[in-house]
Amino acid sequence: MDIAVGCADCVVERDHCHGTLIEHADGVVECTDDRCVMPYPVRHAMVVDCDAFAAGCGCDAHDRWNNMMLSDSAAS
């Protein structure tokens, strides 16, 4: 009996991506797989917020978002 072991989504030919989708506070998304042509959360098993990276992702979107939220709550 020959059993192929692999990605379950690949086996059933489901549209998906093996990369990790990174979501930024400003709505921009990017995938770690350069071959990804449709960066939608439903196609990715792993979706992370850009501030999940210990060294940061290099954007300042979360700083802008947090400053905006702090300004809004201070004004209330």
N, C-alpha and C. Protein backbone atom coordinates (compact mmCIF):
# COMPACT_ATOMS: atom_id res chain seq x y z
N MET A 1 0.84 -1.17 0.00
CA MET A 1 0.00 0.00 0.00
C MET A 1 0.89 1.24 0.00
N ASP A 2 0.72 2.09 -1.01
CA ASP A 2 1.52 3.29 -1.15
C ASP A 2 0.71 4.49 -0.67
N ILE A 3 1.13 5.08 0.45
CA ILE A 3 0.41 6.22 1.00
C ILE A 3 1.30 7.45 0.90
N ALA A 4 0.81 8.45 0.19
CA ALA A 4 1.56 9.71 0.08
C ALA A 4 1.22 10.59 1.28
N VAL A 5 2.24 11.08 1.93
CA VAL A 5 2.04 11.96 3.07
C VAL A 5 2.35 13.38 2.61
N GLY A 6 1.47 14.29 2.94
CA GLY A 6 1.70 15.67 2.54
C GLY A 6 0.63 16.58 3.11
N CYS A 7 0.56 17.72 2.53
CA CYS A 7 -0.42 18.71 2.95
C CYS A 7 -1.82 18.24 2.60
N ALA A 8 -2.71 18.26 3.60
CA ALA A 8 -4.08 17.79 3.37
C ALA A 8 -4.80 18.64 2.33
N ASP A 9 -4.54 19.94 2.32
CA ASP A 9 -5.16 20.81 1.33
C ASP A 9 -4.65 20.50 -0.08
N CYS A 10 -3.37 20.17 -0.20
CA CYS A 10 -2.81 19.79 -1.50
C CYS A 10 -3.43 18.48 -1.99
N VAL A 11 -3.59 17.54 -1.07
CA VAL A 11 -4.13 16.22 -1.43
C VAL A 11 -5.52 16.35 -2.03
N VAL A 12 -6.36 17.23 -1.47
CA VAL A 12 -7.73 17.39 -1.99
C VAL A 12 -7.82 18.54 -3.00
N GLU A 13 -6.65 19.06 -3.40
CA GLU A 13 -6.56 20.13 -4.39
C GLU A 13 -7.36 21.37 -4.02
N ARG A 14 -7.33 21.71 -2.73
CA ARG A 14 -8.01 22.92 -2.24
C ARG A 14 -7.11 24.13 -2.49
N ASP A 15 -7.70 25.24 -2.93
CA ASP A 15 -6.95 26.46 -3.15
C ASP A 15 -6.46 26.98 -1.80
N HIS A 16 -5.15 27.09 -1.64
CA HIS A 16 -4.57 27.54 -0.38
C HIS A 16 -3.14 28.00 -0.60
N CYS A 17 -2.54 28.53 0.44
CA CYS A 17 -1.16 28.99 0.39
C CYS A 17 -0.42 28.43 1.60
N HIS A 18 0.83 28.06 1.41
CA HIS A 18 1.64 27.53 2.51
C HIS A 18 2.34 28.63 3.30
N GLY A 19 2.25 29.87 2.84
CA GLY A 19 2.89 30.98 3.53
C GLY A 19 2.09 31.45 4.73
N THR A 20 2.66 32.37 5.46
CA THR A 20 1.99 33.01 6.59
C THR A 20 1.53 34.39 6.15
N LEU A 21 0.27 34.70 6.41
CA LEU A 21 -0.26 36.01 6.05
C LEU A 21 -0.01 36.97 7.21
N ILE A 22 0.59 38.11 6.91
CA ILE A 22 0.89 39.13 7.92
C ILE A 22 -0.06 40.29 7.70
N GLU A 23 -0.80 40.64 8.75
CA GLU A 23 -1.76 41.74 8.67
C GLU A 23 -1.22 42.94 9.44
N HIS A 24 -1.26 44.10 8.78
CA HIS A 24 -0.81 45.35 9.40
C HIS A 24 -2.02 46.14 9.86
N ALA A 25 -1.83 47.03 10.82
CA ALA A 25 -2.93 47.81 11.40
C ALA A 25 -3.62 48.69 10.37
N ASP A 26 -2.90 49.10 9.33
CA ASP A 26 -3.49 49.97 8.32
C ASP A 26 -4.24 49.20 7.24
N GLY A 27 -4.37 47.87 7.42
CA GLY A 27 -5.12 47.05 6.48
C GLY A 27 -4.28 46.38 5.42
N VAL A 28 -3.02 46.73 5.31
CA VAL A 28 -2.13 46.10 4.34
C VAL A 28 -1.84 44.68 4.79
N VAL A 29 -1.86 43.74 3.84
CA VAL A 29 -1.51 42.36 4.13
C VAL A 29 -0.39 41.92 3.20
N GLU A 30 0.43 41.01 3.70
CA GLU A 30 1.49 40.45 2.87
C GLU A 30 1.69 39.00 3.28
N CYS A 31 2.20 38.22 2.34
CA CYS A 31 2.42 36.80 2.59
C CYS A 31 3.91 36.51 2.55
N THR A 32 4.33 35.56 3.37
CA THR A 32 5.74 35.18 3.40
C THR A 32 6.13 34.31 2.21
N ASP A 33 5.16 33.82 1.46
CA ASP A 33 5.43 33.02 0.26
C ASP A 33 5.39 33.93 -0.96
N ASP A 34 6.53 34.11 -1.60
CA ASP A 34 6.61 35.00 -2.76
C ASP A 34 5.70 34.58 -3.91
N ARG A 35 5.30 33.32 -3.93
CA ARG A 35 4.43 32.83 -5.00
C ARG A 35 2.95 33.10 -4.74
N CYS A 36 2.60 33.62 -3.58
CA CYS A 36 1.21 33.88 -3.23
C CYS A 36 0.67 35.03 -4.08
N VAL A 37 -0.43 34.77 -4.77
CA VAL A 37 -1.03 35.79 -5.62
C VAL A 37 -2.36 36.29 -5.07
N MET A 38 -2.89 35.64 -4.05
CA MET A 38 -4.16 36.05 -3.45
C MET A 38 -4.01 36.07 -1.93
N PRO A 39 -3.59 37.20 -1.37
CA PRO A 39 -3.34 37.27 0.08
C PRO A 39 -4.61 37.45 0.90
N TYR A 40 -5.44 36.41 0.91
CA TYR A 40 -6.69 36.43 1.67
C TYR A 40 -6.56 35.50 2.87
N PRO A 41 -7.07 35.91 4.03
CA PRO A 41 -6.96 35.06 5.22
C PRO A 41 -7.50 33.64 5.03
N VAL A 42 -8.57 33.50 4.28
CA VAL A 42 -9.17 32.18 4.10
C VAL A 42 -8.24 31.19 3.40
N ARG A 43 -7.27 31.67 2.67
CA ARG A 43 -6.33 30.80 1.95
C ARG A 43 -5.12 30.42 2.80
N HIS A 44 -5.00 30.95 3.99
CA HIS A 44 -3.81 30.76 4.82
C HIS A 44 -4.16 30.09 6.15
N ALA A 45 -3.41 29.07 6.50
CA ALA A 45 -3.60 28.40 7.79
C ALA A 45 -3.05 29.25 8.93
N MET A 46 -2.07 30.10 8.60
CA MET A 46 -1.44 30.93 9.62
C MET A 46 -1.60 32.39 9.23
N VAL A 47 -2.26 33.15 10.10
CA VAL A 47 -2.44 34.60 9.91
C VAL A 47 -1.98 35.27 11.21
N VAL A 48 -1.04 36.20 11.09
CA VAL A 48 -0.51 36.87 12.28
C VAL A 48 -0.57 38.38 12.10
N ASP A 49 -0.61 39.07 13.22
CA ASP A 49 -0.55 40.51 13.26
C ASP A 49 0.92 40.91 13.16
N CYS A 50 1.23 42.00 12.48
CA CYS A 50 2.64 42.36 12.28
C CYS A 50 3.37 42.64 13.59
N ASP A 51 2.66 43.01 14.64
CA ASP A 51 3.36 43.26 15.91
C ASP A 51 3.68 41.96 16.66
N ALA A 52 3.38 40.83 16.05
CA ALA A 52 3.73 39.54 16.65
C ALA A 52 5.22 39.23 16.53
N PHE A 53 5.93 39.98 15.69
CA PHE A 53 7.35 39.75 15.50
C PHE A 53 8.12 40.49 16.59
N ALA A 54 8.99 39.77 17.28
CA ALA A 54 9.73 40.35 18.40
C ALA A 54 10.56 41.56 17.97
N ALA A 55 11.15 41.49 16.79
CA ALA A 55 11.98 42.60 16.31
C ALA A 55 11.16 43.64 15.56
N GLY A 56 9.86 43.42 15.48
CA GLY A 56 9.00 44.32 14.72
C GLY A 56 9.04 43.97 13.24
N CYS A 57 8.10 44.52 12.52
CA CYS A 57 8.04 44.18 11.10
C CYS A 57 8.64 45.27 10.23
N GLY A 58 8.99 46.40 10.81
CA GLY A 58 9.57 47.48 10.04
C GLY A 58 8.57 48.55 9.66
N CYS A 59 7.30 48.34 9.94
CA CYS A 59 6.31 49.38 9.63
C CYS A 59 5.96 50.12 10.91
N ASP A 60 5.37 51.28 10.73
CA ASP A 60 4.95 52.03 11.91
C ASP A 60 3.44 52.09 12.00
N ALA A 61 2.77 51.18 11.28
CA ALA A 61 1.31 51.18 11.25
C ALA A 61 0.72 51.01 12.64
N HIS A 62 1.29 50.13 13.45
CA HIS A 62 0.73 49.91 14.78
C HIS A 62 0.97 51.11 15.69
N ASP A 63 2.11 51.78 15.51
CA ASP A 63 2.35 53.00 16.30
C ASP A 63 1.30 54.05 15.96
N ARG A 64 1.04 54.25 14.66
CA ARG A 64 0.02 55.22 14.25
C ARG A 64 -1.34 54.82 14.78
N TRP A 65 -1.67 53.53 14.67
CA TRP A 65 -2.97 53.03 15.13
C TRP A 65 -3.11 53.23 16.64
N ASN A 66 -2.10 52.84 17.39
CA ASN A 66 -2.15 52.97 18.85
C ASN A 66 -2.25 54.44 19.26
N ASN A 67 -1.50 55.32 18.59
CA ASN A 67 -1.58 56.75 18.90
C ASN A 67 -2.97 57.30 18.62
N MET A 68 -3.57 56.87 17.51
CA MET A 68 -4.91 57.32 17.17
C MET A 68 -5.91 56.84 18.22
N MET A 69 -5.79 55.58 18.65
CA MET A 69 -6.71 55.03 19.65
C MET A 69 -6.54 55.75 20.99
N LEU A 70 -5.30 56.06 21.36
CA LEU A 70 -5.06 56.78 22.61
C LEU A 70 -5.64 58.19 22.54
N SER A 71 -5.49 58.84 21.39
CA SER A 71 -6.05 60.19 21.21
C SER A 71 -7.56 60.16 21.31
N ASP A 72 -8.19 59.16 20.69
CA ASP A 72 -9.64 59.04 20.75
C ASP A 72 -10.14 58.80 22.17
N SER A 73 -9.44 57.94 22.92
CA SER A 73 -9.90 57.64 24.27
C SER A 73 -9.65 58.82 25.21
N ALA A 74 -8.60 59.60 24.95
CA ALA A 74 -8.34 60.78 25.78
C ALA A 74 -9.36 61.87 25.53
N ALA A 75 -9.87 61.92 24.30
CA ALA A 75 -10.86 62.93 23.94
C ALA A 75 -12.25 62.60 24.51
N SER A 76 -12.45 61.36 24.87
CA SER A 76 -13.77 60.93 25.38
C SER A 76 -14.01 61.33 26.81
